[in-house]
Amino acid sequence: MNKVALSGAVRNQVGTKGAAQLRRSKRVPCVLYGGSGVVHFSVEEASLRKVVFTPEVNGIELDIDGSKTLAMVHQKQFHPLNDRVIHVDFMEMKEDREAKVQLSIRLSGQPMGVRNGGKLNQVMRKVAVKGLPSAIPTHLDVDVSKLDVNQSIHVSDLSLPGLTPLDRPEDVVASVKVPKKVEEVAVVAAPVAGAAPAAGTTPAAGDAAKPAADAKGAEGKPAAKK
């Protein structure tokens, strides 16, 4: 796990009014959980971008007025009309305590099935795991080069040394399928026996000859004259 240094200052005012004042001065209100108590502090907005706008898992070395703590981003909130960060929750981490994280999945290699006409589908973008901070990588690389047509990689197939997956073992991470081709098929409805022809249609040749046949007897002979 990469570690990123971040400096903060303890908040003197806690509440909506104090948070709004911080944001006007380009600082973001933050909260640190998981320790002996909850710590309210603020960080420069520009400094937060390097740990907020990234899919990777980073250990944050927080320095709050000289008090240093290892933490990770737990939750983040953005302004509804732009991408400005308006609040971040951090969770304290301990080297001897397991943490739960969402690892982003990166696929590598060209699947064998793609060369055979298939299409690669990445079903999962992240996988939930837990483990000690020293065992948690910034992201998870998954090699799909041996994946053939109609084959899949499941959570149970992932290499996660020192980590415990929290998703279902049968969940599909990536698969190679043959693309479905849309074909237009003309469906011709067969006429129902004994049904009258639709108005404006011409009777079939067999139907035109039927009255003549009915004038004959059962054995095909002309009817007797009276």
C-alpha atoms as a PDB file:
ATOM      1  CA  MET A   1       0.000   0.000   0.000  1.00  0.00           C
ATOM      2  CA  ASN A   2       1.259   3.431  -0.940  1.00  0.00           C
ATOM      3  CA  LYS A   3       1.398   6.014   1.830  1.00  0.00           C
ATOM      4  CA  VAL A   4       0.560   9.660   1.251  1.00  0.00           C
ATOM      5  CA  ALA A   5       1.309  12.436   3.741  1.00  0.00           C
ATOM      6  CA  LEU A   6      -1.513  14.852   4.534  1.00  0.00           C
ATOM      7  CA  SER A   7      -1.520  17.761   6.986  1.00  0.00           C
ATOM      8  CA  GLY A   8      -4.600  19.013   8.801  1.00  0.00           C
ATOM      9  CA  ALA A   9      -5.678  21.378  11.573  1.00  0.00           C
ATOM     10  CA  VAL A  10      -8.092  20.736  14.410  1.00  0.00           C
ATOM     11  CA  ARG A  11     -11.433  22.469  13.911  1.00  0.00           C
ATOM     12  CA  ASN A  12     -12.375  25.023  16.524  1.00  0.00           C
ATOM     13  CA  GLN A  13     -15.973  25.249  15.371  1.00  0.00           C
ATOM     14  CA  VAL A  14     -18.034  22.156  14.607  1.00  0.00           C
ATOM     15  CA  GLY A  15     -21.315  22.551  12.769  1.00  0.00           C
ATOM     16  CA  THR A  16     -22.894  23.763   9.547  1.00  0.00           C
ATOM     17  CA  LYS A  17     -21.847  27.386  10.005  1.00  0.00           C
ATOM     18  CA  GLY A  18     -18.238  26.485  10.765  1.00  0.00           C
ATOM     19  CA  ALA A  19     -18.087  24.027   7.829  1.00  0.00           C
ATOM     20  CA  ALA A  20     -19.387  26.674   5.411  1.00  0.00           C
ATOM     21  CA  GLN A  21     -16.759  29.127   6.625  1.00  0.00           C
ATOM     22  CA  LEU A  22     -14.017  26.543   6.058  1.00  0.00           C
ATOM     23  CA  ARG A  23     -15.180  25.871   2.509  1.00  0.00           C
ATOM     24  CA  ARG A  24     -15.157  29.564   1.684  1.00  0.00           C
ATOM     25  CA  SER A  25     -11.486  29.609   2.692  1.00  0.00           C
ATOM     26  CA  LYS A  26     -10.727  26.609   0.413  1.00  0.00           C
ATOM     27  CA  ARG A  27     -10.508  24.125   3.281  1.00  0.00           C
ATOM     28  CA  VAL A  28     -12.519  20.904   3.633  1.00  0.00           C
ATOM     29  CA  PRO A  29     -14.054  19.753   6.933  1.00  0.00           C
ATOM     30  CA  CYS A  30     -12.979  16.194   7.821  1.00  0.00           C
ATOM     31  CA  VAL A  31     -13.595  13.647  10.566  1.00  0.00           C
ATOM     32  CA  LEU A  32     -11.285  10.886  11.818  1.00  0.00           C
ATOM     33  CA  TYR A  33     -12.937   7.762  13.270  1.00  0.00           C
ATOM     34  CA  GLY A  34     -11.634   4.497  14.705  1.00  0.00           C
ATOM     35  CA  GLY A  35      -9.332   5.799  17.417  1.00  0.00           C
ATOM     36  CA  SER A  36      -9.844   6.600  21.074  1.00  0.00           C
ATOM     37  CA  GLY A  37     -12.182   9.406  20.051  1.00  0.00           C
ATOM     38  CA  VAL A  38     -13.628  11.261  17.081  1.00  0.00           C
ATOM     39  CA  VAL A  39     -11.370  14.026  15.734  1.00  0.00           C
ATOM     40  CA  HIS A  40     -12.781  16.952  13.740  1.00  0.00           C
ATOM     41  CA  PHE A  41     -10.221  18.688  11.557  1.00  0.00           C
ATOM     42  CA  SER A  42      -9.802  20.429   8.205  1.00  0.00           C
ATOM     43  CA  VAL A  43      -7.481  20.004   5.230  1.00  0.00           C
ATOM     44  CA  GLU A  44      -6.649  22.274   2.318  1.00  0.00           C
ATOM     45  CA  GLU A  45      -8.924  21.429  -0.600  1.00  0.00           C
ATOM     46  CA  ALA A  46      -6.049  21.235  -3.098  1.00  0.00           C
ATOM     47  CA  SER A  47      -4.152  18.744  -0.901  1.00  0.00           C
ATOM     48  CA  LEU A  48      -7.125  16.366  -0.727  1.00  0.00           C
ATOM     49  CA  ARG A  49      -7.346  15.892  -4.481  1.00  0.00           C
ATOM     50  CA  LYS A  50      -4.394  13.470  -4.524  1.00  0.00           C
ATOM     51  CA  VAL A  51      -6.191  11.040  -2.169  1.00  0.00           C
ATOM     52  CA  VAL A  52      -9.801  11.595  -3.213  1.00  0.00           C
ATOM     53  CA  PHE A  53      -9.675  11.585  -7.024  1.00  0.00           C
ATOM     54  CA  THR A  54      -8.024   8.182  -7.395  1.00  0.00           C
ATOM     55  CA  PRO A  55      -9.346   4.602  -7.620  1.00  0.00           C
ATOM     56  CA  GLU A  56      -6.326   3.280  -5.730  1.00  0.00           C
ATOM     57  CA  VAL A  57      -6.180   2.442  -2.039  1.00  0.00           C
ATOM     58  CA  ASN A  58      -3.674   4.614  -0.195  1.00  0.00           C
ATOM     59  CA  GLY A  59      -2.584   4.751   3.406  1.00  0.00           C
ATOM     60  CA  ILE A  60      -2.889   8.352   4.597  1.00  0.00           C
ATOM     61  CA  GLU A  61      -0.264   9.541   7.048  1.00  0.00           C
ATOM     62  CA  LEU A  62      -2.310  12.232   8.756  1.00  0.00           C
ATOM     63  CA  ASP A  63      -0.515  14.964  10.657  1.00  0.00           C
ATOM     64  CA  ILE A  64      -3.149  16.874  12.647  1.00  0.00           C
ATOM     65  CA  ASP A  65      -1.444  19.675  14.529  1.00  0.00           C
ATOM     66  CA  GLY A  66       1.602  17.471  15.160  1.00  0.00           C
ATOM     67  CA  SER A  67      -0.369  14.303  16.047  1.00  0.00           C
ATOM     68  CA  LYS A  68       0.372  11.626  13.455  1.00  0.00           C
ATOM     69  CA  THR A  69      -2.047   8.838  12.549  1.00  0.00           C
ATOM     70  CA  LEU A  70      -2.221   6.222   9.780  1.00  0.00           C
ATOM     71  CA  ALA A  71      -5.660   6.321   8.172  1.00  0.00           C
ATOM     72  CA  MET A  72      -7.574   5.680   4.971  1.00  0.00           C
ATOM     73  CA  VAL A  73     -10.383   7.469   3.163  1.00  0.00           C
ATOM     74  CA  HIS A  74     -13.668   5.985   4.343  1.00  0.00           C
ATOM     75  CA  GLN A  75     -16.321   8.226   2.760  1.00  0.00           C
ATOM     76  CA  LYS A  76     -16.263  11.355   0.634  1.00  0.00           C
ATOM     77  CA  GLN A  77     -18.893  13.883  -0.376  1.00  0.00           C
ATOM     78  CA  PHE A  78     -18.919  16.170  -3.410  1.00  0.00           C
ATOM     79  CA  HIS A  79     -20.813  19.304  -4.293  1.00  0.00           C
ATOM     80  CA  PRO A  80     -23.950  18.314  -6.273  1.00  0.00           C
ATOM     81  CA  LEU A  81     -23.205  20.803  -9.095  1.00  0.00           C
ATOM     82  CA  ASN A  82     -19.431  20.368  -9.463  1.00  0.00           C
ATOM     83  CA  ASP A  83     -16.589  18.084  -8.430  1.00  0.00           C
ATOM     84  CA  ARG A  84     -15.492  20.042  -5.374  1.00  0.00           C
ATOM     85  CA  VAL A  85     -14.910  17.960  -2.266  1.00  0.00           C
ATOM     86  CA  ILE A  86     -17.094  19.189   0.598  1.00  0.00           C
ATOM     87  CA  HIS A  87     -16.466  16.552   3.288  1.00  0.00           C
ATOM     88  CA  VAL A  88     -14.230  13.520   3.916  1.00  0.00           C
ATOM     89  CA  ASP A  89     -14.386  10.837   6.597  1.00  0.00           C
ATOM     90  CA  PHE A  90     -11.161   9.032   7.497  1.00  0.00           C
ATOM     91  CA  MET A  91     -10.805   5.713   9.329  1.00  0.00           C
ATOM     92  CA  GLU A  92      -7.793   5.130  11.552  1.00  0.00           C
ATOM     93  CA  MET A  93      -5.675   2.113  10.649  1.00  0.00           C
ATOM     94  CA  LYS A  94      -3.411   0.026  12.846  1.00  0.00           C
ATOM     95  CA  GLU A  95      -0.589  -2.155  11.518  1.00  0.00           C
ATOM     96  CA  ASP A  96      -1.827  -5.101  13.627  1.00  0.00           C
ATOM     97  CA  ARG A  97      -5.544  -4.648  12.861  1.00  0.00           C
ATOM     98  CA  GLU A  98      -7.323  -5.858   9.731  1.00  0.00           C
ATOM     99  CA  ALA A  99      -9.038  -3.283   7.570  1.00  0.00           C
ATOM    100  CA  LYS A 100     -11.803  -3.647   4.987  1.00  0.00           C
ATOM    101  CA  VAL A 101     -11.180  -2.001   1.616  1.00  0.00           C
ATOM    102  CA  GLN A 102     -12.458  -1.971  -1.956  1.00  0.00           C
ATOM    103  CA  LEU A 103      -9.633  -2.809  -4.370  1.00  0.00           C
ATOM    104  CA  SER A 104      -9.974  -1.577  -7.945  1.00  0.00           C
ATOM    105  CA  ILE A 105      -9.449  -4.350 -10.528  1.00  0.00           C
ATOM    106  CA  ARG A 106      -7.153  -3.865 -13.522  1.00  0.00           C
ATOM    107  CA  LEU A 107      -7.220  -6.445 -16.299  1.00  0.00           C
ATOM    108  CA  SER A 108      -3.955  -7.205 -18.106  1.00  0.00           C
ATOM    109  CA  GLY A 109      -3.115  -9.240 -21.212  1.00  0.00           C
ATOM    110  CA  GLN A 110      -5.073 -10.049 -24.379  1.00  0.00           C
ATOM    111  CA  PRO A 111      -7.454 -12.964 -23.840  1.00  0.00           C
ATOM    112  CA  MET A 112      -7.068 -16.029 -26.060  1.00  0.00           C
ATOM    113  CA  GLY A 113     -10.817 -15.942 -26.649  1.00  0.00           C
ATOM    114  CA  VAL A 114     -10.690 -12.427 -28.098  1.00  0.00           C
ATOM    115  CA  ARG A 115      -8.293 -13.653 -30.785  1.00  0.00           C
ATOM    116  CA  ASN A 116     -10.842 -16.394 -31.512  1.00  0.00           C
ATOM    117  CA  GLY A 117     -13.667 -13.932 -32.069  1.00  0.00           C
ATOM    118  CA  GLY A 118     -14.930 -13.421 -28.544  1.00  0.00           C
ATOM    119  CA  LYS A 119     -15.452 -10.224 -26.555  1.00  0.00           C
ATOM    120  CA  LEU A 120     -13.972  -9.476 -23.139  1.00  0.00           C
ATOM    121  CA  ASN A 121     -16.456  -8.313 -20.491  1.00  0.00           C
ATOM    122  CA  GLN A 122     -15.296  -6.904 -17.154  1.00  0.00           C
ATOM    123  CA  VAL A 123     -18.184  -7.548 -14.776  1.00  0.00           C
ATOM    124  CA  MET A 124     -16.561  -6.360 -11.528  1.00  0.00           C
ATOM    125  CA  ARG A 125     -14.611  -3.111 -11.230  1.00  0.00           C
ATOM    126  CA  LYS A 126     -13.812  -3.534  -7.531  1.00  0.00           C
ATOM    127  CA  VAL A 127     -13.493  -6.399  -5.086  1.00  0.00           C
ATOM    128  CA  ALA A 128     -14.031  -6.146  -1.331  1.00  0.00           C
ATOM    129  CA  VAL A 129     -11.287  -7.630   0.864  1.00  0.00           C
ATOM    130  CA  LYS A 130      -9.967  -7.439   4.389  1.00  0.00           C
ATOM    131  CA  GLY A 131      -6.455  -7.815   5.721  1.00  0.00           C
ATOM    132  CA  LEU A 132      -3.587  -6.127   7.513  1.00  0.00           C
ATOM    133  CA  PRO A 133      -2.434  -2.802   6.024  1.00  0.00           C
ATOM    134  CA  SER A 134       0.915  -4.333   5.053  1.00  0.00           C
ATOM    135  CA  ALA A 135      -0.882  -6.895   2.830  1.00  0.00           C
ATOM    136  CA  ILE A 136      -3.231  -4.448   1.094  1.00  0.00           C
ATOM    137  CA  PRO A 137      -2.053  -3.377  -2.411  1.00  0.00           C
ATOM    138  CA  THR A 138      -3.032  -0.128  -4.084  1.00  0.00           C
ATOM    139  CA  HIS A 139      -5.028  -2.093  -6.688  1.00  0.00           C
ATOM    140  CA  LEU A 140      -5.437  -5.658  -7.979  1.00  0.00           C
ATOM    141  CA  ASP A 141      -3.947  -6.827 -11.298  1.00  0.00           C
ATOM    142  CA  VAL A 142      -5.788  -9.727 -12.976  1.00  0.00           C
ATOM    143  CA  ASP A 143      -4.194 -11.570 -15.921  1.00  0.00           C
ATOM    144  CA  VAL A 144      -6.832 -12.547 -18.502  1.00  0.00           C
ATOM    145  CA  SER A 145      -4.484 -13.703 -21.297  1.00  0.00           C
ATOM    146  CA  LYS A 146      -5.456 -17.402 -20.888  1.00  0.00           C
ATOM    147  CA  LEU A 147      -9.190 -16.726 -20.898  1.00  0.00           C
ATOM    148  CA  ASP A 148     -10.861 -18.491 -23.846  1.00  0.00           C
ATOM    149  CA  VAL A 149     -14.359 -18.171 -25.309  1.00  0.00           C
ATOM    150  CA  ASN A 150     -17.125 -19.001 -22.794  1.00  0.00           C
ATOM    151  CA  GLN A 151     -14.648 -18.972 -19.909  1.00  0.00           C
ATOM    152  CA  SER A 152     -14.796 -16.751 -16.824  1.00  0.00           C
ATOM    153  CA  ILE A 153     -12.660 -15.631 -13.896  1.00  0.00           C
ATOM    154  CA  HIS A 154     -14.447 -15.725 -10.554  1.00  0.00           C
ATOM    155  CA  VAL A 155     -13.635 -14.171  -7.191  1.00  0.00           C
ATOM    156  CA  SER A 156     -12.453 -17.595  -6.027  1.00  0.00           C
ATOM    157  CA  ASP A 157      -9.821 -17.563  -8.826  1.00  0.00           C
ATOM    158  CA  LEU A 158      -8.197 -14.296  -7.682  1.00  0.00           C
ATOM    159  CA  SER A 159      -4.731 -14.303  -6.135  1.00  0.00           C
ATOM    160  CA  LEU A 160      -5.092 -12.439  -2.824  1.00  0.00           C
ATOM    161  CA  PRO A 161      -2.096 -13.287  -0.620  1.00  0.00           C
ATOM    162  CA  GLY A 162      -2.709 -12.262   2.971  1.00  0.00           C
ATOM    163  CA  LEU A 163      -6.227 -11.055   2.174  1.00  0.00           C
ATOM    164  CA  THR A 164      -9.708 -12.470   2.652  1.00  0.00           C
ATOM    165  CA  PRO A 165     -12.254 -11.754  -0.118  1.00  0.00           C
ATOM    166  CA  LEU A 166     -15.620 -10.497   1.116  1.00  0.00           C
ATOM    167  CA  ASP A 167     -17.538 -10.953  -2.140  1.00  0.00           C
ATOM    168  CA  ARG A 168     -19.154 -14.260  -3.078  1.00  0.00           C
ATOM    169  CA  PRO A 169     -16.674 -16.817  -4.478  1.00  0.00           C
ATOM    170  CA  GLU A 170     -18.905 -17.493  -7.497  1.00  0.00           C
ATOM    171  CA  ASP A 171     -19.165 -13.840  -8.538  1.00  0.00           C
ATOM    172  CA  VAL A 172     -17.791 -13.300 -12.055  1.00  0.00           C
ATOM    173  CA  VAL A 173     -14.923 -10.820 -12.383  1.00  0.00           C
ATOM    174  CA  ALA A 174     -14.393 -11.074 -16.158  1.00  0.00           C
ATOM    175  CA  SER A 175     -15.527 -13.330 -18.998  1.00  0.00           C
ATOM    176  CA  VAL A 176     -15.155 -13.838 -22.746  1.00  0.00           C
ATOM    177  CA  LYS A 177     -18.343 -14.337 -24.723  1.00  0.00           C
ATOM    178  CA  VAL A 178     -19.212 -14.548 -28.417  1.00  0.00           C
ATOM    179  CA  PRO A 179     -21.063 -11.346 -29.438  1.00  0.00           C
ATOM    180  CA  LYS A 180     -24.720 -11.935 -30.255  1.00  0.00           C
ATOM    181  CA  LYS A 181     -25.600 -11.093 -33.852  1.00  0.00           C
ATOM    182  CA  VAL A 182     -29.029  -9.617 -34.408  1.00  0.00           C
ATOM    183  CA  GLU A 183     -30.718 -11.327 -37.361  1.00  0.00           C
ATOM    184  CA  GLU A 184     -34.026 -10.333 -38.871  1.00  0.00           C
ATOM    185  CA  VAL A 185     -36.150 -13.388 -39.590  1.00  0.00           C
ATOM    186  CA  ALA A 186     -39.325 -13.083 -41.734  1.00  0.00           C
ATOM    187  CA  VAL A 187     -42.104 -15.054 -40.107  1.00  0.00           C
ATOM    188  CA  VAL A 188     -44.828 -16.227 -42.539  1.00  0.00           C
ATOM    189  CA  ALA A 189     -48.014 -17.365 -40.850  1.00  0.00           C
ATOM    190  CA  ALA A 190     -49.464 -20.568 -42.344  1.00  0.00           C
ATOM    191  CA  PRO A 191     -53.200 -20.345 -43.345  1.00  0.00           C
ATOM    192  CA  VAL A 192     -55.627 -22.152 -41.101  1.00  0.00           C
ATOM    193  CA  ALA A 193     -57.445 -25.056 -42.783  1.00  0.00           C
ATOM    194  CA  GLY A 194     -61.046 -24.235 -43.654  1.00  0.00           C
ATOM    195  CA  ALA A 195     -60.609 -20.490 -43.068  1.00  0.00           C
ATOM    196  CA  ALA A 196     -62.213 -18.176 -45.626  1.00  0.00           C
ATOM    197  CA  PRO A 197     -59.771 -16.110 -47.704  1.00  0.00           C
ATOM    198  CA  ALA A 198     -59.371 -12.535 -46.663  1.00  0.00           C
ATOM    199  CA  ALA A 199     -61.269  -9.903 -48.600  1.00  0.00           C
ATOM    200  CA  GLY A 200     -59.541  -8.800 -51.761  1.00  0.00           C
ATOM    201  CA  THR A 201     -57.393 -11.923 -52.009  1.00  0.00           C
ATOM    202  CA  THR A 202     -57.367 -14.394 -54.902  1.00  0.00           C
ATOM    203  CA  PRO A 203     -58.238 -18.011 -54.033  1.00  0.00           C
ATOM    204  CA  ALA A 204     -55.455 -20.522 -54.527  1.00  0.00           C
ATOM    205  CA  ALA A 205     -55.572 -22.780 -57.580  1.00  0.00           C
ATOM    206  CA  GLY A 206     -56.590 -25.756 -55.484  1.00  0.00           C
ATOM    207  CA  ASP A 207     -59.481 -23.813 -53.942  1.00  0.00           C
ATOM    208  CA  ALA A 208     -60.846 -22.801 -57.415  1.00  0.00           C
ATOM    209  CA  ALA A 209     -61.082 -26.397 -58.526  1.00  0.00           C
ATOM    210  CA  LYS A 210     -62.796 -27.580 -55.363  1.00  0.00           C
ATOM    211  CA  PRO A 211     -66.460 -26.896 -56.430  1.00  0.00           C
ATOM    212  CA  ALA A 212     -65.996 -29.018 -59.574  1.00  0.00           C
ATOM    213  CA  ALA A 213     -64.738 -31.851 -57.491  1.00  0.00           C
ATOM    214  CA  ASP A 214     -67.711 -31.548 -55.133  1.00  0.00           C
ATOM    215  CA  ALA A 215     -70.095 -32.036 -58.121  1.00  0.00           C
ATOM    216  CA  LYS A 216     -68.811 -35.553 -58.532  1.00  0.00           C
ATOM    217  CA  GLY A 217     -69.629 -38.516 -56.431  1.00  0.00           C
ATOM    218  CA  ALA A 218     -67.525 -39.903 -53.660  1.00  0.00           C
ATOM    219  CA  GLU A 219     -65.545 -41.971 -56.197  1.00  0.00           C
ATOM    220  CA  GLY A 220     -64.983 -39.058 -58.579  1.00  0.00           C
ATOM    221  CA  LYS A 221     -67.808 -40.018 -61.011  1.00  0.00           C
ATOM    222  CA  PRO A 222     -70.385 -37.510 -62.367  1.00  0.00           C
ATOM    223  CA  ALA A 223     -73.630 -37.429 -60.393  1.00  0.00           C
ATOM    224  CA  ALA A 224     -76.504 -39.435 -61.935  1.00  0.00           C
ATOM    225  CA  LYS A 225     -79.020 -37.453 -64.022  1.00  0.00           C
ATOM    226  CA  LYS A 226     -82.603 -37.465 -62.850  1.00  0.00           C
END
